[in-house]
């Protein structure tokens, strides 16, 4: 799966950048706009339990919803607000 294609198909608001970063135990998907940001930690357990395609679709959908509603502001020296998607 091409991540850029998945992001493009999701239809994020103009000016939203979506990136993915590897992290121990999973991946962080981050949506940012100037001065704003939100991220979701997708755990390896969730991917194993539900499959890569369905979990990426769910996480990207959630990021788009938050971006459409308005990403939380970033304060100097602080990281993005984060949610975690785990397996049961």
Protein backbone atom coordinates (compact mmCIF):
# COMPACT_ATOMS: atom_id res chain seq x y z
CA UNK A 1 0.00 0.00 0.00
CA UNK A 2 1.27 3.43 -0.93
CA UNK A 3 0.80 5.72 2.05
CA UNK A 4 0.65 8.91 -0.07
CA UNK A 5 -2.16 7.40 -2.18
CA UNK A 6 -4.13 6.43 0.94
CA UNK A 7 -3.78 9.97 2.31
CA UNK A 8 -4.81 11.52 -1.01
CA UNK A 9 -7.91 9.28 -1.23
CA UNK A 10 -8.98 10.23 2.30
CA UNK A 11 -9.65 13.85 1.27
CA UNK A 12 -7.98 15.86 4.02
CA UNK A 13 -8.71 19.60 4.19
CA UNK A 14 -6.42 21.81 2.11
CA UNK A 15 -3.16 22.65 3.87
CA UNK A 16 -3.14 19.49 6.02
CA UNK A 17 0.04 17.44 5.96
CA UNK A 18 -0.07 13.81 7.06
CA UNK A 19 3.11 11.96 7.98
CA UNK A 20 3.92 8.55 9.44
CA UNK A 21 6.79 7.87 11.83
CA UNK A 22 8.03 4.54 13.15
CA UNK A 23 8.04 4.27 16.93
CA UNK A 24 8.81 1.33 19.22
CA UNK A 25 5.65 -0.76 19.35
CA UNK A 26 3.90 0.93 16.44
CA UNK A 27 3.59 3.88 14.10
CA UNK A 28 2.57 7.47 14.71
CA UNK A 29 0.37 9.07 12.08
CA UNK A 30 0.39 12.85 12.42
CA UNK A 31 -1.83 15.48 10.82
CA UNK A 32 -0.54 19.04 10.94
CA UNK A 33 -1.58 22.47 9.75
CA UNK A 34 0.32 25.69 10.48
CA UNK A 35 0.45 25.98 14.29
CA UNK A 36 -1.82 22.96 14.81
CA UNK A 37 -1.42 19.20 15.08
CA UNK A 38 -2.86 15.87 16.17
CA UNK A 39 -1.43 12.37 16.10
CA UNK A 40 -2.57 8.80 16.52
CA UNK A 41 -0.33 5.96 17.70
CA UNK A 42 -1.23 2.81 15.80
CA UNK A 43 0.14 -0.09 17.84
CA UNK A 44 1.63 -3.19 16.26
CA UNK A 45 -0.91 -5.26 18.21
CA UNK A 46 -3.81 -3.43 16.54
CA UNK A 47 -2.33 -4.04 13.09
CA UNK A 48 -1.85 -7.74 13.88
CA UNK A 49 -5.38 -8.07 15.23
CA UNK A 50 -7.32 -6.13 12.58
CA UNK A 51 -4.98 -6.10 9.56
CA UNK A 52 -2.92 -3.30 8.08
CA UNK A 53 -5.46 -2.06 5.53
CA UNK A 54 -8.42 -1.74 7.90
CA UNK A 55 -6.38 -0.11 10.67
CA UNK A 56 -4.78 2.44 8.34
CA UNK A 57 -8.18 3.30 6.89
CA UNK A 58 -9.65 3.76 10.37
CA UNK A 59 -6.75 5.87 11.64
CA UNK A 60 -6.65 8.06 8.53
CA UNK A 61 -10.42 8.53 8.78
CA UNK A 62 -10.07 9.64 12.39
CA UNK A 63 -7.25 12.04 11.50
CA UNK A 64 -9.40 13.53 8.72
CA UNK A 65 -12.34 13.99 11.09
CA UNK A 66 -10.15 15.84 13.58
CA UNK A 67 -8.60 17.96 10.80
CA UNK A 68 -12.06 18.89 9.49
CA UNK A 69 -13.21 19.86 13.00
CA UNK A 70 -10.01 21.84 13.62
CA UNK A 71 -6.70 20.44 14.81
CA UNK A 72 -5.66 21.38 18.36
CA UNK A 73 -3.24 24.31 18.57
CA UNK A 74 0.44 23.57 19.17
CA UNK A 75 1.98 25.45 22.06
CA UNK A 76 5.70 26.28 21.86
CA UNK A 77 7.75 23.39 23.23
CA UNK A 78 4.82 20.96 23.33
CA UNK A 79 4.06 17.97 21.15
CA UNK A 80 0.81 17.16 19.35
CA UNK A 81 -2.22 15.85 21.19
CA UNK A 82 -2.08 12.06 20.84
CA UNK A 83 -4.59 9.23 20.85
CA UNK A 84 -3.69 5.55 20.77
CA UNK A 85 -5.30 2.76 18.74
CA UNK A 86 -4.63 -0.58 20.40
CA UNK A 87 -5.70 -4.16 19.83
CA UNK A 88 -8.12 -5.79 22.26
